[in-house]
Amino acid sequence: MQYDDSYLNKIVKKYSVLNLFGYSSVICMKETKRLLRETALSIAEVAGKLKFTNHTHFYKFFEKHFSMTPKQYRRSLGKK
């Protein structure tokens, strides 16, 4: 079964304050933090695992959400 984008947006918005893109962004950034925290994957590998093809976009997206770069986040955890 296929759903229209606007229909999916309405459903997501009904149960959260976010639209579909915003909700998926939150999930993606949670997974990014988990991978940075729990694995030894490089930042580039984390970006690739989450299907970011542009690493600059990945860095900016992460920084927009957390006010720090992925590298700074890892350092804050005491990891290199």
PDB file of N, CA and C in Angstrom:
ATOM      1  N   MET A   1       0.846  -1.171   0.000  1.00  0.00           N
ATOM      2  CA  MET A   1       0.000   0.000   0.000  1.00  0.00           C
ATOM      3  C   MET A   1       0.896   1.239   0.000  1.00  0.00           C
ATOM      4  N   GLN A   2       0.550   2.231  -0.809  1.00  0.00           N
ATOM      5  CA  GLN A   2       1.321   3.466  -0.892  1.00  0.00           C
ATOM      6  C   GLN A   2       0.517   4.613  -0.303  1.00  0.00           C
ATOM      7  N   TYR A   3       1.228   5.512   0.364  1.00  0.00           N
ATOM      8  CA  TYR A   3       0.580   6.667   0.971  1.00  0.00           C
ATOM      9  C   TYR A   3       1.128   7.946   0.368  1.00  0.00           C
ATOM     10  N   ASP A   4       0.280   8.920   0.243  1.00  0.00           N
ATOM     11  CA  ASP A   4       0.661  10.237  -0.242  1.00  0.00           C
ATOM     12  C   ASP A   4       1.502  10.940   0.821  1.00  0.00           C
ATOM     13  N   ASP A   5       2.494  11.737   0.390  1.00  0.00           N
ATOM     14  CA  ASP A   5       3.358  12.460   1.327  1.00  0.00           C
ATOM     15  C   ASP A   5       2.565  13.349   2.280  1.00  0.00           C
ATOM     16  N   SER A   6       1.574  14.043   1.766  1.00  0.00           N
ATOM     17  CA  SER A   6       0.811  14.953   2.624  1.00  0.00           C
ATOM     18  C   SER A   6       0.022  14.170   3.679  1.00  0.00           C
ATOM     19  N   TYR A   7      -0.451  12.985   3.323  1.00  0.00           N
ATOM     20  CA  TYR A   7      -1.169  12.141   4.281  1.00  0.00           C
ATOM     21  C   TYR A   7      -0.219  11.696   5.402  1.00  0.00           C
ATOM     22  N   LEU A   8       0.988  11.260   5.031  1.00  0.00           N
ATOM     23  CA  LEU A   8       1.966  10.849   6.032  1.00  0.00           C
ATOM     24  C   LEU A   8       2.348  12.021   6.933  1.00  0.00           C
ATOM     25  N   ASN A   9       2.507  13.198   6.336  1.00  0.00           N
ATOM     26  CA  ASN A   9       2.816  14.387   7.135  1.00  0.00           C
ATOM     27  C   ASN A   9       1.730  14.653   8.169  1.00  0.00           C
ATOM     28  N   LYS A  10       0.471  14.517   7.772  1.00  0.00           N
ATOM     29  CA  LYS A  10      -0.646  14.749   8.691  1.00  0.00           C
ATOM     30  C   LYS A  10      -0.622  13.766   9.852  1.00  0.00           C
ATOM     31  N   ILE A  11      -0.330  12.505   9.547  1.00  0.00           N
ATOM     32  CA  ILE A  11      -0.292  11.484  10.597  1.00  0.00           C
ATOM     33  C   ILE A  11       0.840  11.786  11.581  1.00  0.00           C
ATOM     34  N   VAL A  12       2.010  12.077  11.063  1.00  0.00           N
ATOM     35  CA  VAL A  12       3.160  12.361  11.931  1.00  0.00           C
ATOM     36  C   VAL A  12       2.886  13.601  12.769  1.00  0.00           C
ATOM     37  N   LYS A  13       2.352  14.632  12.142  1.00  0.00           N
ATOM     38  CA  LYS A  13       2.074  15.881  12.848  1.00  0.00           C
ATOM     39  C   LYS A  13       0.996  15.681  13.926  1.00  0.00           C
ATOM     40  N   LYS A  14       0.069  14.764  13.676  1.00  0.00           N
ATOM     41  CA  LYS A  14      -0.990  14.490  14.646  1.00  0.00           C
ATOM     42  C   LYS A  14      -0.423  13.944  15.953  1.00  0.00           C
ATOM     43  N   TYR A  15       0.633  13.127  15.851  1.00  0.00           N
ATOM     44  CA  TYR A  15       1.198  12.493  17.036  1.00  0.00           C
ATOM     45  C   TYR A  15       2.489  13.140  17.540  1.00  0.00           C
ATOM     46  N   SER A  16       2.956  14.140  16.836  1.00  0.00           N
ATOM     47  CA  SER A  16       4.142  14.884  17.278  1.00  0.00           C
ATOM     48  C   SER A  16       3.988  16.322  16.790  1.00  0.00           C
ATOM     49  N   VAL A  17       4.870  17.176  17.199  1.00  0.00           N
ATOM     50  CA  VAL A  17       4.786  18.574  16.752  1.00  0.00           C
ATOM     51  C   VAL A  17       5.590  18.790  15.478  1.00  0.00           C
ATOM     52  N   LEU A  18       6.152  17.720  14.933  1.00  0.00           N
ATOM     53  CA  LEU A  18       7.027  17.817  13.769  1.00  0.00           C
ATOM     54  C   LEU A  18       6.353  17.312  12.505  1.00  0.00           C
ATOM     55  N   ASN A  19       6.858  17.794  11.369  1.00  0.00           N
ATOM     56  CA  ASN A  19       6.431  17.203  10.104  1.00  0.00           C
ATOM     57  C   ASN A  19       7.283  15.958   9.855  1.00  0.00           C
ATOM     58  N   LEU A  20       7.056  15.268   8.767  1.00  0.00           N
ATOM     59  CA  LEU A  20       7.746  14.016   8.479  1.00  0.00           C
ATOM     60  C   LEU A  20       9.257  14.216   8.389  1.00  0.00           C
ATOM     61  N   PHE A  21       9.693  15.280   7.705  1.00  0.00           N
ATOM     62  CA  PHE A  21      11.125  15.543   7.584  1.00  0.00           C
ATOM     63  C   PHE A  21      11.736  15.823   8.952  1.00  0.00           C
ATOM     64  N   GLY A  22      11.084  16.640   9.749  1.00  0.00           N
ATOM     65  CA  GLY A  22      11.593  16.960  11.077  1.00  0.00           C
ATOM     66  C   GLY A  22      11.696  15.738  11.960  1.00  0.00           C
ATOM     67  N   TYR A  23      10.693  14.883  11.904  1.00  0.00           N
ATOM     68  CA  TYR A  23      10.677  13.660  12.708  1.00  0.00           C
ATOM     69  C   TYR A  23      11.801  12.718  12.279  1.00  0.00           C
ATOM     70  N   SER A  24      11.963  12.547  10.972  1.00  0.00           N
ATOM     71  CA  SER A  24      13.032  11.666  10.489  1.00  0.00           C
ATOM     72  C   SER A  24      14.401  12.257  10.813  1.00  0.00           C
ATOM     73  N   SER A  25      14.514  13.585  10.833  1.00  0.00           N
ATOM     74  CA  SER A  25      15.775  14.232  11.196  1.00  0.00           C
ATOM     75  C   SER A  25      16.147  13.939  12.637  1.00  0.00           C
ATOM     76  N   VAL A  26      15.159  13.986  13.524  1.00  0.00           N
ATOM     77  CA  VAL A  26      15.395  13.691  14.943  1.00  0.00           C
ATOM     78  C   VAL A  26      15.881  12.254  15.102  1.00  0.00           C
ATOM     79  N   ILE A  27      15.246  11.333  14.427  1.00  0.00           N
ATOM     80  CA  ILE A  27      15.639   9.927  14.502  1.00  0.00           C
ATOM     81  C   ILE A  27      17.058   9.745  13.955  1.00  0.00           C
ATOM     82  N   CYS A  28      17.345  10.376  12.840  1.00  0.00           N
ATOM     83  CA  CYS A  28      18.668  10.283  12.222  1.00  0.00           C
ATOM     84  C   CYS A  28      19.743  10.832  13.158  1.00  0.00           C
ATOM     85  N   MET A  29      19.492  11.967  13.781  1.00  0.00           N
ATOM     86  CA  MET A  29      20.489  12.567  14.659  1.00  0.00           C
ATOM     87  C   MET A  29      20.675  11.757  15.944  1.00  0.00           C
ATOM     88  N   LYS A  30      19.623  11.123  16.428  1.00  0.00           N
ATOM     89  CA  LYS A  30      19.759  10.228  17.588  1.00  0.00           C
ATOM     90  C   LYS A  30      20.657   9.048  17.233  1.00  0.00           C
ATOM     91  N   GLU A  31      20.459   8.506  16.047  1.00  0.00           N
ATOM     92  CA  GLU A  31      21.289   7.391  15.590  1.00  0.00           C
ATOM     93  C   GLU A  31      22.726   7.847  15.370  1.00  0.00           C
ATOM     94  N   THR A  32      22.923   9.047  14.873  1.00  0.00           N
ATOM     95  CA  THR A  32      24.263   9.594  14.695  1.00  0.00           C
ATOM     96  C   THR A  32      24.985   9.658  16.035  1.00  0.00           C
ATOM     97  N   LYS A  33      24.328  10.210  17.036  1.00  0.00           N
ATOM     98  CA  LYS A  33      24.943  10.301  18.361  1.00  0.00           C
ATOM     99  C   LYS A  33      25.253   8.915  18.918  1.00  0.00           C
ATOM    100  N   ARG A  34      24.357   7.977  18.721  1.00  0.00           N
ATOM    101  CA  ARG A  34      24.587   6.618  19.214  1.00  0.00           C
ATOM    102  C   ARG A  34      25.822   6.015  18.551  1.00  0.00           C
ATOM    103  N   LEU A  35      25.920   6.157  17.232  1.00  0.00           N
ATOM    104  CA  LEU A  35      27.069   5.592  16.519  1.00  0.00           C
ATOM    105  C   LEU A  35      28.375   6.258  16.927  1.00  0.00           C
ATOM    106  N   LEU A  36      28.344   7.563  17.122  1.00  0.00           N
ATOM    107  CA  LEU A  36      29.551   8.267  17.559  1.00  0.00           C
ATOM    108  C   LEU A  36      29.953   7.851  18.971  1.00  0.00           C
ATOM    109  N   ARG A  37      28.967   7.577  19.788  1.00  0.00           N
ATOM    110  CA  ARG A  37      29.207   7.218  21.188  1.00  0.00           C
ATOM    111  C   ARG A  37      29.630   5.755  21.347  1.00  0.00           C
ATOM    112  N   GLU A  38      28.989   4.861  20.599  1.00  0.00           N
ATOM    113  CA  GLU A  38      29.142   3.428  20.862  1.00  0.00           C
ATOM    114  C   GLU A  38      30.030   2.664  19.892  1.00  0.00           C
ATOM    115  N   THR A  39      30.479   3.312  18.824  1.00  0.00           N
ATOM    116  CA  THR A  39      31.314   2.598  17.856  1.00  0.00           C
ATOM    117  C   THR A  39      32.627   3.334  17.636  1.00  0.00           C
ATOM    118  N   ALA A  40      33.529   2.660  16.986  1.00  0.00           N
ATOM    119  CA  ALA A  40      34.812   3.260  16.619  1.00  0.00           C
ATOM    120  C   ALA A  40      34.801   3.705  15.158  1.00  0.00           C
ATOM    121  N   LEU A  41      33.620   3.739  14.547  1.00  0.00           N
ATOM    122  CA  LEU A  41      33.525   4.183  13.149  1.00  0.00           C
ATOM    123  C   LEU A  41      34.012   5.619  13.032  1.00  0.00           C
ATOM    124  N   SER A  42      34.660   5.915  11.917  1.00  0.00           N
ATOM    125  CA  SER A  42      35.067   7.299  11.677  1.00  0.00           C
ATOM    126  C   SER A  42      33.814   8.136  11.434  1.00  0.00           C
ATOM    127  N   ILE A  43      33.968   9.425  11.516  1.00  0.00           N
ATOM    128  CA  ILE A  43      32.830  10.318  11.282  1.00  0.00           C
ATOM    129  C   ILE A  43      32.334  10.156   9.848  1.00  0.00           C
ATOM    130  N   ALA A  44      33.256   9.999   8.910  1.00  0.00           N
ATOM    131  CA  ALA A  44      32.869   9.779   7.510  1.00  0.00           C
ATOM    132  C   ALA A  44      32.087   8.480   7.355  1.00  0.00           C
ATOM    133  N   GLU A  45      32.489   7.439   8.082  1.00  0.00           N
ATOM    134  CA  GLU A  45      31.775   6.162   8.027  1.00  0.00           C
ATOM    135  C   GLU A  45      30.377   6.293   8.629  1.00  0.00           C
ATOM    136  N   VAL A  46      30.263   7.045   9.700  1.00  0.00           N
ATOM    137  CA  VAL A  46      28.950   7.282  10.311  1.00  0.00           C
ATOM    138  C   VAL A  46      28.055   8.006   9.316  1.00  0.00           C
ATOM    139  N   ALA A  47      28.595   9.039   8.687  1.00  0.00           N
ATOM    140  CA  ALA A  47      27.815   9.786   7.688  1.00  0.00           C
ATOM    141  C   ALA A  47      27.364   8.866   6.555  1.00  0.00           C
ATOM    142  N   GLY A  48      28.252   8.023   6.075  1.00  0.00           N
ATOM    143  CA  GLY A  48      27.911   7.087   5.005  1.00  0.00           C
ATOM    144  C   GLY A  48      26.872   6.068   5.434  1.00  0.00           C
ATOM    145  N   LYS A  49      27.003   5.586   6.656  1.00  0.00           N
ATOM    146  CA  LYS A  49      26.040   4.609   7.180  1.00  0.00           C
ATOM    147  C   LYS A  49      24.626   5.197   7.226  1.00  0.00           C
ATOM    148  N   LEU A  50      24.540   6.501   7.449  1.00  0.00           N
ATOM    149  CA  LEU A  50      23.243   7.168   7.516  1.00  0.00           C
ATOM    150  C   LEU A  50      22.840   7.778   6.175  1.00  0.00           C
ATOM    151  N   LYS A  51      23.546   7.368   5.124  1.00  0.00           N
ATOM    152  CA  LYS A  51      23.221   7.734   3.731  1.00  0.00           C
ATOM    153  C   LYS A  51      23.445   9.204   3.394  1.00  0.00           C
ATOM    154  N   PHE A  52      24.334   9.876   4.129  1.00  0.00           N
ATOM    155  CA  PHE A  52      24.721  11.230   3.744  1.00  0.00           C
ATOM    156  C   PHE A  52      25.805  11.096   2.688  1.00  0.00           C
ATOM    157  N   THR A  53      25.588  11.656   1.525  1.00  0.00           N
ATOM    158  CA  THR A  53      26.584  11.582   0.457  1.00  0.00           C
ATOM    159  C   THR A  53      27.501  12.799   0.481  1.00  0.00           C
ATOM    160  N   ASN A  54      27.097  13.836   1.170  1.00  0.00           N
ATOM    161  CA  ASN A  54      27.888  15.056   1.260  1.00  0.00           C
ATOM    162  C   ASN A  54      28.292  15.252   2.720  1.00  0.00           C
ATOM    163  N   HIS A  55      29.578  15.101   2.990  1.00  0.00           N
ATOM    164  CA  HIS A  55      30.047  15.173   4.383  1.00  0.00           C
ATOM    165  C   HIS A  55      29.907  16.572   4.963  1.00  0.00           C
ATOM    166  N   THR A  56      30.054  17.596   4.132  1.00  0.00           N
ATOM    167  CA  THR A  56      29.871  18.970   4.597  1.00  0.00           C
ATOM    168  C   THR A  56      28.444  19.174   5.072  1.00  0.00           C
ATOM    169  N   HIS A  57      27.488  18.667   4.316  1.00  0.00           N
ATOM    170  CA  HIS A  57      26.078  18.760   4.713  1.00  0.00           C
ATOM    171  C   HIS A  57      25.853  18.021   6.030  1.00  0.00           C
ATOM    172  N   PHE A  58      26.455  16.848   6.176  1.00  0.00           N
ATOM    173  CA  PHE A  58      26.329  16.071   7.410  1.00  0.00           C
ATOM    174  C   PHE A  58      26.831  16.876   8.608  1.00  0.00           C
ATOM    175  N   TYR A  59      28.022  17.470   8.474  1.00  0.00           N
ATOM    176  CA  TYR A  59      28.584  18.265   9.570  1.00  0.00           C
ATOM    177  C   TYR A  59      27.676  19.431   9.926  1.00  0.00           C
ATOM    178  N   LYS A  60      27.187  20.152   8.911  1.00  0.00           N
ATOM    179  CA  LYS A  60      26.324  21.311   9.156  1.00  0.00           C
ATOM    180  C   LYS A  60      25.001  20.891   9.787  1.00  0.00           C
ATOM    181  N   PHE A  61      24.450  19.788   9.334  1.00  0.00           N
ATOM    182  CA  PHE A  61      23.191  19.275   9.857  1.00  0.00           C
ATOM    183  C   PHE A  61      23.349  18.900  11.328  1.00  0.00           C
ATOM    184  N   PHE A  62      24.435  18.197  11.645  1.00  0.00           N
ATOM    185  CA  PHE A  62      24.709  17.814  13.034  1.00  0.00           C
ATOM    186  C   PHE A  62      24.896  19.060  13.885  1.00  0.00           C
ATOM    187  N   GLU A  63      25.685  20.001  13.395  1.00  0.00           N
ATOM    188  CA  GLU A  63      25.963  21.220  14.151  1.00  0.00           C
ATOM    189  C   GLU A  63      24.694  22.040  14.379  1.00  0.00           C
ATOM    190  N   LYS A  64      23.808  22.053  13.413  1.00  0.00           N
ATOM    191  CA  LYS A  64      22.536  22.767  13.561  1.00  0.00           C
ATOM    192  C   LYS A  64      21.706  22.164  14.700  1.00  0.00           C
ATOM    193  N   HIS A  65      21.726  20.849  14.813  1.00  0.00           N
ATOM    194  CA  HIS A  65      20.922  20.162  15.831  1.00  0.00           C
ATOM    195  C   HIS A  65      21.533  20.212  17.221  1.00  0.00           C
ATOM    196  N   PHE A  66      22.870  20.187  17.311  1.00  0.00           N
ATOM    197  CA  PHE A  66      23.516  20.028  18.615  1.00  0.00           C
ATOM    198  C   PHE A  66      24.487  21.148  18.986  1.00  0.00           C
ATOM    199  N   SER A  67      24.616  22.161  18.145  1.00  0.00           N
ATOM    200  CA  SER A  67      25.511  23.304  18.410  1.00  0.00           C
ATOM    201  C   SER A  67      26.963  22.882  18.625  1.00  0.00           C
ATOM    202  N   MET A  68      27.352  21.791  18.016  1.00  0.00           N
ATOM    203  CA  MET A  68      28.741  21.342  18.002  1.00  0.00           C
ATOM    204  C   MET A  68      28.919  20.394  16.825  1.00  0.00           C
ATOM    205  N   THR A  69      30.148  20.216  16.391  1.00  0.00           N
ATOM    206  CA  THR A  69      30.412  19.302  15.285  1.00  0.00           C
ATOM    207  C   THR A  69      30.442  17.866  15.811  1.00  0.00           C
ATOM    208  N   PRO A  70      30.361  16.888  14.915  1.00  0.00           N
ATOM    209  CA  PRO A  70      30.474  15.493  15.367  1.00  0.00           C
ATOM    210  C   PRO A  70      31.807  15.241  16.088  1.00  0.00           C
ATOM    211  N   LYS A  71      32.866  15.867  15.607  1.00  0.00           N
ATOM    212  CA  LYS A  71      34.176  15.706  16.236  1.00  0.00           C
ATOM    213  C   LYS A  71      34.168  16.272  17.660  1.00  0.00           C
ATOM    214  N   GLN A  72      33.578  17.440  17.830  1.00  0.00           N
ATOM    215  CA  GLN A  72      33.476  18.037  19.162  1.00  0.00           C
ATOM    216  C   GLN A  72      32.626  17.163  20.077  1.00  0.00           C
ATOM    217  N   TYR A  73      31.556  16.581  19.534  1.00  0.00           N
ATOM    218  CA  TYR A  73      30.701  15.697  20.327  1.00  0.00           C
ATOM    219  C   TYR A  73      31.504  14.499  20.831  1.00  0.00           C
ATOM    220  N   ARG A  74      32.256  13.889  19.921  1.00  0.00           N
ATOM    221  CA  ARG A  74      33.068  12.738  20.320  1.00  0.00           C
ATOM    222  C   ARG A  74      34.094  13.110  21.371  1.00  0.00           C
ATOM    223  N   ARG A  75      34.717  14.255  21.204  1.00  0.00           N
ATOM    224  CA  ARG A  75      35.700  14.708  22.188  1.00  0.00           C
ATOM    225  C   ARG A  75      35.054  14.946  23.546  1.00  0.00           C
ATOM    226  N   SER A  76      33.809  15.445  23.536  1.00  0.00           N
ATOM    227  CA  SER A  76      33.104  15.687  24.804  1.00  0.00           C
ATOM    228  C   SER A  76      32.843  14.385  25.556  1.00  0.00           C
ATOM    229  N   LEU A  77      32.868  13.286  24.833  1.00  0.00           N
ATOM    230  CA  LEU A  77      32.680  11.963  25.444  1.00  0.00           C
ATOM    231  C   LEU A  77      33.998  11.369  25.928  1.00  0.00           C
ATOM    232  N   GLY A  78      35.093  12.081  25.646  1.00  0.00           N
ATOM    233  CA  GLY A  78      36.408  11.581  26.019  1.00  0.00           C
ATOM    234  C   GLY A  78      36.993  10.639  25.002  1.00  0.00           C
ATOM    235  N   LYS A  79      36.437  10.658  23.775  1.00  0.00           N
ATOM    236  CA  LYS A  79      36.930   9.798  22.689  1.00  0.00           C
ATOM    237  C   LYS A  79      37.673  10.653  21.674  1.00  0.00           C
ATOM    238  N   LYS A  80      38.586  10.017  20.964  1.00  0.00           N
ATOM    239  CA  LYS A  80      39.341  10.727  19.916  1.00  0.00           C
ATOM    240  C   LYS A  80      38.675  10.580  18.592  1.00  0.00           C
TER     241      LYS A  80
END
